[in-house]
PDB file of N, CA and C in Angstrom:
ATOM      1  N   MET A   1      -1.741   8.520  12.807  1.00  0.00           N
ATOM      2  CA  MET A   1      -2.744   8.265  11.794  1.00  0.00           C
ATOM      3  C   MET A   1      -3.828   7.375  12.377  1.00  0.00           C
ATOM      4  N   ASN A   2      -5.037   7.565  11.869  1.00  0.00           N
ATOM      5  CA  ASN A   2      -6.108   6.714  12.361  1.00  0.00           C
ATOM      6  C   ASN A   2      -6.266   5.486  11.490  1.00  0.00           C
ATOM      7  N   SER A   3      -7.218   4.625  11.840  1.00  0.00           N
ATOM      8  CA  SER A   3      -7.335   3.336  11.161  1.00  0.00           C
ATOM      9  C   SER A   3      -7.944   3.431   9.768  1.00  0.00           C
ATOM     10  N   SER A   4      -8.367   4.603   9.341  1.00  0.00           N
ATOM     11  CA  SER A   4      -8.920   4.722   7.992  1.00  0.00           C
ATOM     12  C   SER A   4      -8.260   5.885   7.255  1.00  0.00           C
ATOM     13  N   GLU A   5      -6.970   5.950   7.335  1.00  0.00           N
ATOM     14  CA  GLU A   5      -6.212   6.991   6.649  1.00  0.00           C
ATOM     15  C   GLU A   5      -6.401   6.848   5.143  1.00  0.00           C
ATOM     16  N   LYS A   6      -6.651   7.964   4.466  1.00  0.00           N
ATOM     17  CA  LYS A   6      -6.923   7.951   3.034  1.00  0.00           C
ATOM     18  C   LYS A   6      -5.747   8.512   2.247  1.00  0.00           C
ATOM     19  N   LEU A   7      -5.643   8.071   1.027  1.00  0.00           N
ATOM     20  CA  LEU A   7      -4.622   8.504   0.088  1.00  0.00           C
ATOM     21  C   LEU A   7      -5.349   8.919  -1.180  1.00  0.00           C
ATOM     22  N   ARG A   8      -5.049  10.089  -1.676  1.00  0.00           N
ATOM     23  CA  ARG A   8      -5.656  10.566  -2.917  1.00  0.00           C
ATOM     24  C   ARG A   8      -4.571  10.696  -3.977  1.00  0.00           C
ATOM     25  N   ILE A   9      -4.815  10.041  -5.110  1.00  0.00           N
ATOM     26  CA  ILE A   9      -3.851  10.049  -6.207  1.00  0.00           C
ATOM     27  C   ILE A   9      -4.559  10.566  -7.453  1.00  0.00           C
ATOM     28  N   THR A  10      -3.931  11.518  -8.128  1.00  0.00           N
ATOM     29  CA  THR A  10      -4.463  12.039  -9.381  1.00  0.00           C
ATOM     30  C   THR A  10      -3.831  11.257 -10.529  1.00  0.00           C
ATOM     31  N   ASP A  11      -4.689  10.643 -11.358  1.00  0.00           N
ATOM     32  CA  ASP A  11      -4.158   9.848 -12.467  1.00  0.00           C
ATOM     33  C   ASP A  11      -3.766  10.741 -13.644  1.00  0.00           C
ATOM     34  N   ALA A  12      -3.294  10.128 -14.716  1.00  0.00           N
ATOM     35  CA  ALA A  12      -2.806  10.865 -15.882  1.00  0.00           C
ATOM     36  C   ALA A  12      -3.894  11.703 -16.549  1.00  0.00           C
ATOM     37  N   ASN A  13      -5.152  11.355 -16.321  1.00  0.00           N
ATOM     38  CA  ASN A  13      -6.277  12.090 -16.901  1.00  0.00           C
ATOM     39  C   ASN A  13      -6.802  13.184 -15.981  1.00  0.00           C
ATOM     40  N   GLY A  14      -6.121  13.380 -14.844  1.00  0.00           N
ATOM     41  CA  GLY A  14      -6.545  14.404 -13.900  1.00  0.00           C
ATOM     42  C   GLY A  14      -7.658  13.976 -12.963  1.00  0.00           C
ATOM     43  N   ILE A  15      -7.988  12.706 -12.982  1.00  0.00           N
ATOM     44  CA  ILE A  15      -9.048  12.182 -12.111  1.00  0.00           C
ATOM     45  C   ILE A  15      -8.435  11.786 -10.773  1.00  0.00           C
ATOM     46  N   VAL A  16      -9.026  12.295  -9.691  1.00  0.00           N
ATOM     47  CA  VAL A  16      -8.548  11.980  -8.356  1.00  0.00           C
ATOM     48  C   VAL A  16      -9.211  10.698  -7.884  1.00  0.00           C
ATOM     49  N   LYS A  17      -8.390   9.737  -7.484  1.00  0.00           N
ATOM     50  CA  LYS A  17      -8.890   8.469  -6.954  1.00  0.00           C
ATOM     51  C   LYS A  17      -8.504   8.368  -5.482  1.00  0.00           C
ATOM     52  N   GLU A  18      -9.406   7.829  -4.699  1.00  0.00           N
ATOM     53  CA  GLU A  18      -9.155   7.707  -3.266  1.00  0.00           C
ATOM     54  C   GLU A  18      -8.868   6.252  -2.909  1.00  0.00           C
ATOM     55  N   TYR A  19      -7.868   6.062  -2.072  1.00  0.00           N
ATOM     56  CA  TYR A  19      -7.454   4.739  -1.614  1.00  0.00           C
ATOM     57  C   TYR A  19      -7.379   4.741  -0.098  1.00  0.00           C
ATOM     58  N   GLU A  20      -7.490   3.576   0.484  1.00  0.00           N
ATOM     59  CA  GLU A  20      -7.312   3.413   1.922  1.00  0.00           C
ATOM     60  C   GLU A  20      -5.916   2.854   2.170  1.00  0.00           C
ATOM     61  N   ILE A  21      -5.168   3.513   3.041  1.00  0.00           N
ATOM     62  CA  ILE A  21      -3.829   3.042   3.381  1.00  0.00           C
ATOM     63  C   ILE A  21      -3.959   1.876   4.353  1.00  0.00           C
ATOM     64  N   LEU A  22      -3.328   0.768   3.998  1.00  0.00           N
ATOM     65  CA  LEU A  22      -3.337  -0.413   4.852  1.00  0.00           C
ATOM     66  C   LEU A  22      -2.101  -0.469   5.733  1.00  0.00           C
ATOM     67  N   TYR A  23      -0.966  -0.064   5.173  1.00  0.00           N
ATOM     68  CA  TYR A  23       0.298  -0.210   5.902  1.00  0.00           C
ATOM     69  C   TYR A  23       1.320   0.708   5.249  1.00  0.00           C
ATOM     70  N   ALA A  24       2.085   1.392   6.053  1.00  0.00           N
ATOM     71  CA  ALA A  24       3.174   2.225   5.554  1.00  0.00           C
ATOM     72  C   ALA A  24       4.374   1.998   6.456  1.00  0.00           C
ATOM     73  N   PHE A  25       5.569   1.919   5.839  1.00  0.00           N
ATOM     74  CA  PHE A  25       6.746   1.641   6.647  1.00  0.00           C
ATOM     75  C   PHE A  25       8.013   2.121   5.963  1.00  0.00           C
ATOM     76  N   TYR A  26       9.025   2.313   6.760  1.00  0.00           N
ATOM     77  CA  TYR A  26      10.366   2.642   6.290  1.00  0.00           C
ATOM     78  C   TYR A  26      11.214   1.393   6.456  1.00  0.00           C
ATOM     79  N   TRP A  27      11.963   1.020   5.427  1.00  0.00           N
ATOM     80  CA  TRP A  27      12.841  -0.150   5.497  1.00  0.00           C
ATOM     81  C   TRP A  27      14.274   0.349   5.469  1.00  0.00           C
ATOM     82  N   ILE A  28      14.960   0.182   6.575  1.00  0.00           N
ATOM     83  CA  ILE A  28      16.324   0.690   6.711  1.00  0.00           C
ATOM     84  C   ILE A  28      17.273   0.055   5.696  1.00  0.00           C
ATOM     85  N   LYS A  29      17.028  -1.196   5.345  1.00  0.00           N
ATOM     86  CA  LYS A  29      17.914  -1.902   4.412  1.00  0.00           C
ATOM     87  C   LYS A  29      17.992  -1.206   3.048  1.00  0.00           C
ATOM     88  N   THR A  30      16.872  -0.665   2.583  1.00  0.00           N
ATOM     89  CA  THR A  30      16.843  -0.005   1.277  1.00  0.00           C
ATOM     90  C   THR A  30      16.832   1.520   1.393  1.00  0.00           C
ATOM     91  N   ASP A  31      16.631   2.013   2.621  1.00  0.00           N
ATOM     92  CA  ASP A  31      16.523   3.454   2.877  1.00  0.00           C
ATOM     93  C   ASP A  31      15.364   4.055   2.077  1.00  0.00           C
ATOM     94  N   LYS A  32      14.240   3.305   2.030  1.00  0.00           N
ATOM     95  CA  LYS A  32      13.051   3.750   1.297  1.00  0.00           C
ATOM     96  C   LYS A  32      11.810   3.600   2.162  1.00  0.00           C
ATOM     97  N   ASN A  33      10.808   4.386   1.827  1.00  0.00           N
ATOM     98  CA  ASN A  33       9.495   4.291   2.454  1.00  0.00           C
ATOM     99  C   ASN A  33       8.551   3.570   1.495  1.00  0.00           C
ATOM    100  N   TYR A  34       7.707   2.727   2.054  1.00  0.00           N
ATOM    101  CA  TYR A  34       6.774   1.932   1.257  1.00  0.00           C
ATOM    102  C   TYR A  34       5.358   2.151   1.786  1.00  0.00           C
ATOM    103  N   ILE A  35       4.410   2.017   0.878  1.00  0.00           N
ATOM    104  CA  ILE A  35       3.013   2.153   1.257  1.00  0.00           C
ATOM    105  C   ILE A  35       2.222   1.035   0.580  1.00  0.00           C
ATOM    106  N   ILE A  36       1.321   0.417   1.328  1.00  0.00           N
ATOM    107  CA  ILE A  36       0.430  -0.618   0.819  1.00  0.00           C
ATOM    108  C   ILE A  36      -0.976  -0.065   0.961  1.00  0.00           C
ATOM    109  N   TYR A  37      -1.755  -0.105  -0.122  1.00  0.00           N
ATOM    110  CA  TYR A  37      -3.055   0.558  -0.103  1.00  0.00           C
ATOM    111  C   TYR A  37      -4.061  -0.184  -0.983  1.00  0.00           C
ATOM    112  N   THR A  38      -5.333   0.160  -0.825  1.00  0.00           N
ATOM    113  CA  THR A  38      -6.396  -0.497  -1.578  1.00  0.00           C
ATOM    114  C   THR A  38      -7.441   0.521  -2.005  1.00  0.00           C
ATOM    115  N   ASP A  39      -8.129   0.205  -3.093  1.00  0.00           N
ATOM    116  CA  ASP A  39      -9.276   1.015  -3.505  1.00  0.00           C
ATOM    117  C   ASP A  39     -10.584   0.357  -3.042  1.00  0.00           C
ATOM    118  N   ASN A  40     -10.462  -0.685  -2.241  1.00  0.00           N
ATOM    119  CA  ASN A  40     -11.597  -1.426  -1.679  1.00  0.00           C
ATOM    120  C   ASN A  40     -12.501  -2.027  -2.750  1.00  0.00           C
ATOM    121  N   THR A  41     -11.910  -2.392  -3.879  1.00  0.00           N
ATOM    122  CA  THR A  41     -12.641  -3.145  -4.893  1.00  0.00           C
ATOM    123  C   THR A  41     -12.091  -4.570  -4.895  1.00  0.00           C
ATOM    124  N   TYR A  42     -12.823  -5.454  -5.551  1.00  0.00           N
ATOM    125  CA  TYR A  42     -12.438  -6.862  -5.591  1.00  0.00           C
ATOM    126  C   TYR A  42     -12.288  -7.323  -7.033  1.00  0.00           C
ATOM    127  N   ASN A  43     -11.348  -8.258  -7.240  1.00  0.00           N
ATOM    128  CA  ASN A  43     -11.139  -8.791  -8.581  1.00  0.00           C
ATOM    129  C   ASN A  43     -12.125  -9.933  -8.848  1.00  0.00           C
ATOM    130  N   GLU A  44     -11.981 -10.573 -10.006  1.00  0.00           N
ATOM    131  CA  GLU A  44     -12.903 -11.639 -10.400  1.00  0.00           C
ATOM    132  C   GLU A  44     -12.837 -12.869  -9.487  1.00  0.00           C
ATOM    133  N   LYS A  45     -11.754 -13.008  -8.742  1.00  0.00           N
ATOM    134  CA  LYS A  45     -11.631 -14.114  -7.776  1.00  0.00           C
ATOM    135  C   LYS A  45     -12.136 -13.713  -6.397  1.00  0.00           C
ATOM    136  N   ASN A  46     -12.712 -12.518  -6.304  1.00  0.00           N
ATOM    137  CA  ASN A  46     -13.244 -11.952  -5.067  1.00  0.00           C
ATOM    138  C   ASN A  46     -12.141 -11.640  -4.045  1.00  0.00           C
ATOM    139  N   ASP A  47     -10.921 -11.359  -4.554  1.00  0.00           N
ATOM    140  CA  ASP A  47      -9.812 -10.927  -3.701  1.00  0.00           C
ATOM    141  C   ASP A  47      -9.763  -9.407  -3.703  1.00  0.00           C
ATOM    142  N   LEU A  48      -9.452  -8.841  -2.560  1.00  0.00           N
ATOM    143  CA  LEU A  48      -9.311  -7.401  -2.434  1.00  0.00           C
ATOM    144  C   LEU A  48      -8.149  -6.918  -3.299  1.00  0.00           C
ATOM    145  N   ASN A  49      -8.369  -5.890  -4.090  1.00  0.00           N
ATOM    146  CA  ASN A  49      -7.297  -5.299  -4.899  1.00  0.00           C
ATOM    147  C   ASN A  49      -6.393  -4.478  -3.984  1.00  0.00           C
ATOM    148  N   ILE A  50      -5.117  -4.871  -3.932  1.00  0.00           N
ATOM    149  CA  ILE A  50      -4.131  -4.221  -3.065  1.00  0.00           C
ATOM    150  C   ILE A  50      -2.955  -3.787  -3.928  1.00  0.00           C
ATOM    151  N   PHE A  51      -2.448  -2.597  -3.638  1.00  0.00           N
ATOM    152  CA  PHE A  51      -1.339  -2.012  -4.384  1.00  0.00           C
ATOM    153  C   PHE A  51      -0.214  -1.665  -3.422  1.00  0.00           C
ATOM    154  N   ALA A  52       0.999  -1.562  -3.953  1.00  0.00           N
ATOM    155  CA  ALA A  52       2.154  -1.162  -3.141  1.00  0.00           C
ATOM    156  C   ALA A  52       3.051  -0.260  -3.978  1.00  0.00           C
ATOM    157  N   SER A  53       3.639   0.717  -3.315  1.00  0.00           N
ATOM    158  CA  SER A  53       4.522   1.662  -3.999  1.00  0.00           C
ATOM    159  C   SER A  53       5.599   2.144  -3.043  1.00  0.00           C
ATOM    160  N   ILE A  54       6.645   2.682  -3.623  1.00  0.00           N
ATOM    161  CA  ILE A  54       7.630   3.448  -2.866  1.00  0.00           C
ATOM    162  C   ILE A  54       7.059   4.864  -2.793  1.00  0.00           C
ATOM    163  N   TYR A  55       7.103   5.471  -1.612  1.00  0.00           N
ATOM    164  CA  TYR A  55       6.589   6.835  -1.505  1.00  0.00           C
ATOM    165  C   TYR A  55       7.599   7.725  -0.792  1.00  0.00           C
ATOM    166  N   TYR A  56       7.361   9.004  -0.922  1.00  0.00           N
ATOM    167  CA  TYR A  56       8.257  10.017  -0.370  1.00  0.00           C
ATOM    168  C   TYR A  56       7.472  10.867   0.617  1.00  0.00           C
ATOM    169  N   PRO A  57       7.749  10.739   1.920  1.00  0.00           N
ATOM    170  CA  PRO A  57       6.963  11.436   2.947  1.00  0.00           C
ATOM    171  C   PRO A  57       6.894  12.952   2.762  1.00  0.00           C
ATOM    172  N   ASN A  58       7.907  13.542   2.167  1.00  0.00           N
ATOM    173  CA  ASN A  58       7.916  14.995   1.986  1.00  0.00           C
ATOM    174  C   ASN A  58       7.291  15.435   0.664  1.00  0.00           C
ATOM    175  N   ASP A  59       6.838  14.481  -0.143  1.00  0.00           N
ATOM    176  CA  ASP A  59       6.205  14.789  -1.422  1.00  0.00           C
ATOM    177  C   ASP A  59       5.111  13.762  -1.668  1.00  0.00           C
ATOM    178  N   ASN A  60       3.918  14.050  -1.176  1.00  0.00           N
ATOM    179  CA  ASN A  60       2.840  13.057  -1.258  1.00  0.00           C
ATOM    180  C   ASN A  60       2.231  12.946  -2.656  1.00  0.00           C
ATOM    181  N   THR A  61       2.870  13.558  -3.641  1.00  0.00           N
ATOM    182  CA  THR A  61       2.406  13.409  -5.022  1.00  0.00           C
ATOM    183  C   THR A  61       3.300  12.470  -5.826  1.00  0.00           C
ATOM    184  N   LYS A  62       4.396  12.013  -5.217  1.00  0.00           N
ATOM    185  CA  LYS A  62       5.357  11.181  -5.943  1.00  0.00           C
ATOM    186  C   LYS A  62       5.353   9.752  -5.400  1.00  0.00           C
ATOM    187  N   PHE A  63       5.166   8.812  -6.321  1.00  0.00           N
ATOM    188  CA  PHE A  63       5.201   7.392  -5.994  1.00  0.00           C
ATOM    189  C   PHE A  63       6.032   6.688  -7.051  1.00  0.00           C
ATOM    190  N   ASP A  64       6.797   5.693  -6.650  1.00  0.00           N
ATOM    191  CA  ASP A  64       7.584   4.904  -7.588  1.00  0.00           C
ATOM    192  C   ASP A  64       7.196   3.440  -7.473  1.00  0.00           C
ATOM    193  N   ASN A  65       7.480   2.692  -8.523  1.00  0.00           N
ATOM    194  CA  ASN A  65       7.226   1.255  -8.522  1.00  0.00           C
ATOM    195  C   ASN A  65       8.210   0.537  -7.609  1.00  0.00           C
ATOM    196  N   ILE A  66       7.755  -0.569  -7.046  1.00  0.00           N
ATOM    197  CA  ILE A  66       8.639  -1.457  -6.298  1.00  0.00           C
ATOM    198  C   ILE A  66       9.652  -1.991  -7.313  1.00  0.00           C
ATOM    199  N   GLU A  67      10.940  -1.974  -6.948  1.00  0.00           N
ATOM    200  CA  GLU A  67      11.986  -2.217  -7.931  1.00  0.00           C
ATOM    201  C   GLU A  67      12.591  -3.619  -7.938  1.00  0.00           C
ATOM    202  N   THR A  68      12.650  -4.283  -6.805  1.00  0.00           N
ATOM    203  CA  THR A  68      13.379  -5.544  -6.757  1.00  0.00           C
ATOM    204  C   THR A  68      12.516  -6.677  -6.204  1.00  0.00           C
ATOM    205  N   GLU A  69      12.966  -7.898  -6.471  1.00  0.00           N
ATOM    206  CA  GLU A  69      12.297  -9.074  -5.920  1.00  0.00           C
ATOM    207  C   GLU A  69      12.347  -9.063  -4.395  1.00  0.00           C
ATOM    208  N   GLU A  70      13.454  -8.611  -3.839  1.00  0.00           N
ATOM    209  CA  GLU A  70      13.589  -8.534  -2.383  1.00  0.00           C
ATOM    210  C   GLU A  70      12.551  -7.596  -1.776  1.00  0.00           C
ATOM    211  N   GLU A  71      12.304  -6.467  -2.444  1.00  0.00           N
ATOM    212  CA  GLU A  71      11.284  -5.535  -1.962  1.00  0.00           C
ATOM    213  C   GLU A  71       9.899  -6.181  -2.037  1.00  0.00           C
ATOM    214  N   TRP A  72       9.606  -6.884  -3.139  1.00  0.00           N
ATOM    215  CA  TRP A  72       8.316  -7.559  -3.255  1.00  0.00           C
ATOM    216  C   TRP A  72       8.149  -8.631  -2.180  1.00  0.00           C
ATOM    217  N   GLU A  73       9.214  -9.355  -1.871  1.00  0.00           N
ATOM    218  CA  GLU A  73       9.140 -10.365  -0.803  1.00  0.00           C
ATOM    219  C   GLU A  73       8.812  -9.714   0.531  1.00  0.00           C
ATOM    220  N   LYS A  74       9.403  -8.563   0.804  1.00  0.00           N
ATOM    221  CA  LYS A  74       9.113  -7.833   2.044  1.00  0.00           C
ATOM    222  C   LYS A  74       7.637  -7.427   2.074  1.00  0.00           C
ATOM    223  N   ILE A  75       7.140  -6.885   0.978  1.00  0.00           N
ATOM    224  CA  ILE A  75       5.731  -6.491   0.880  1.00  0.00           C
ATOM    225  C   ILE A  75       4.819  -7.702   1.087  1.00  0.00           C
ATOM    226  N   GLU A  76       5.134  -8.805   0.430  1.00  0.00           N
ATOM    227  CA  GLU A  76       4.319 -10.018   0.557  1.00  0.00           C
ATOM    228  C   GLU A  76       4.309 -10.537   1.987  1.00  0.00           C
ATOM    229  N   ASN A  77       5.440 -10.492   2.673  1.00  0.00           N
ATOM    230  CA  ASN A  77       5.491 -10.928   4.073  1.00  0.00           C
ATOM    231  C   ASN A  77       4.632 -10.037   4.960  1.00  0.00           C
ATOM    232  N   ILE A  78       4.654  -8.755   4.704  1.00  0.00           N
ATOM    233  CA  ILE A  78       3.806  -7.843   5.476  1.00  0.00           C
ATOM    234  C   ILE A  78       2.335  -8.135   5.200  1.00  0.00           C
ATOM    235  N   LEU A  79       1.996  -8.342   3.939  1.00  0.00           N
ATOM    236  CA  LEU A  79       0.601  -8.672   3.605  1.00  0.00           C
ATOM    237  C   LEU A  79       0.144  -9.936   4.317  1.00  0.00           C
ATOM    238  N   LYS A  80       0.995 -10.931   4.368  1.00  0.00           N
ATOM    239  CA  LYS A  80       0.644 -12.167   5.080  1.00  0.00           C
ATOM    240  C   LYS A  80       0.357 -11.885   6.554  1.00  0.00           C
ATOM    241  N   SER A  81       1.062 -10.925   7.123  1.00  0.00           N
ATOM    242  CA  SER A  81       0.876 -10.632   8.547  1.00  0.00           C
ATOM    243  C   SER A  81      -0.361  -9.780   8.822  1.00  0.00           C
ATOM    244  N   ILE A  82      -0.842  -9.013   7.818  1.00  0.00           N
ATOM    245  CA  ILE A  82      -1.997  -8.152   8.075  1.00  0.00           C
ATOM    246  C   ILE A  82      -3.304  -8.692   7.504  1.00  0.00           C
ATOM    247  N   LEU A  83      -3.238  -9.767   6.718  1.00  0.00           N
ATOM    248  CA  LEU A  83      -4.452 -10.362   6.175  1.00  0.00           C
ATOM    249  C   LEU A  83      -4.785 -11.647   6.931  1.00  0.00           C
ATOM    250  N   ASP A  84      -6.060 -11.851   7.194  1.00  0.00           N
ATOM    251  CA  ASP A  84      -6.449 -13.099   7.842  1.00  0.00           C
ATOM    252  C   ASP A  84      -6.618 -14.193   6.795  1.00  0.00           C
ATOM    253  N   SER A  85      -7.032 -15.370   7.221  1.00  0.00           N
ATOM    254  CA  SER A  85      -7.109 -16.518   6.315  1.00  0.00           C
ATOM    255  C   SER A  85      -8.145 -16.326   5.207  1.00  0.00           C
ATOM    256  N   ASP A  86      -9.102 -15.419   5.400  1.00  0.00           N
ATOM    257  CA  ASP A  86     -10.108 -15.130   4.376  1.00  0.00           C
ATOM    258  C   ASP A  86      -9.685 -13.984   3.464  1.00  0.00           C
ATOM    259  N   GLY A  87      -8.478 -13.455   3.662  1.00  0.00           N
ATOM    260  CA  GLY A  87      -8.002 -12.352   2.849  1.00  0.00           C
ATOM    261  C   GLY A  87      -8.509 -10.997   3.295  1.00  0.00           C
ATOM    262  N   GLU A  88      -9.125 -10.952   4.456  1.00  0.00           N
ATOM    263  CA  GLU A  88      -9.617  -9.689   5.003  1.00  0.00           C
ATOM    264  C   GLU A  88      -8.519  -9.045   5.854  1.00  0.00           C
ATOM    265  N   ILE A  89      -8.522  -7.737   5.920  1.00  0.00           N
ATOM    266  CA  ILE A  89      -7.503  -6.994   6.662  1.00  0.00           C
ATOM    267  C   ILE A  89      -7.798  -7.092   8.153  1.00  0.00           C
ATOM    268  N   ASN A  90      -6.787  -7.551   8.913  1.00  0.00           N
ATOM    269  CA  ASN A  90      -6.977  -7.634  10.357  1.00  0.00           C
ATOM    270  C   ASN A  90      -6.076  -6.663  11.108  1.00  0.00           C
ATOM    271  N   GLU A  91      -5.273  -5.886  10.399  1.00  0.00           N
ATOM    272  CA  GLU A  91      -4.379  -4.940  11.070  1.00  0.00           C
ATOM    273  C   GLU A  91      -3.999  -3.849  10.085  1.00  0.00           C
ATOM    274  N   ARG A  92      -3.975  -2.600  10.579  1.00  0.00           N
ATOM    275  CA  ARG A  92      -3.468  -1.476   9.802  1.00  0.00           C
ATOM    276  C   ARG A  92      -2.395  -0.818  10.627  1.00  0.00           C
ATOM    277  N   ARG A  93      -1.292  -0.447   9.974  1.00  0.00           N
ATOM    278  CA  ARG A  93      -0.214   0.166  10.742  1.00  0.00           C
ATOM    279  C   ARG A  93       0.532   1.167   9.880  1.00  0.00           C
ATOM    280  N   TYR A  94       0.875   2.246  10.507  1.00  0.00           N
ATOM    281  CA  TYR A  94       1.599   3.312   9.826  1.00  0.00           C
ATOM    282  C   TYR A  94       2.808   3.663  10.645  1.00  0.00           C
ATOM    283  N   ASN A  95       3.986   3.521  10.078  1.00  0.00           N
ATOM    284  CA  ASN A  95       5.226   3.870  10.772  1.00  0.00           C
ATOM    285  C   ASN A  95       5.755   5.170  10.243  1.00  0.00           C
TER     286      ASN A  95
END
């Protein structure tokens, strides 16, 4: 994958939204694949809006919510490693 891999998700209204994939990985502990992505918009605090989901490599239309605190901690640790001190992305990686 290249450094600007895109993800397209169709919402409940049939509208296709495009996101930029920041990081994707498989975690052996949970036997799940995770994806961290952004729509490149900013919230009222001027922080980049970032999302995370469980995804299925063989079905790019199916995403599930992160289920446990342990999974969220893993996601947060990865975010800390790919964001610089200003909250800007300094690394993209796809496993």
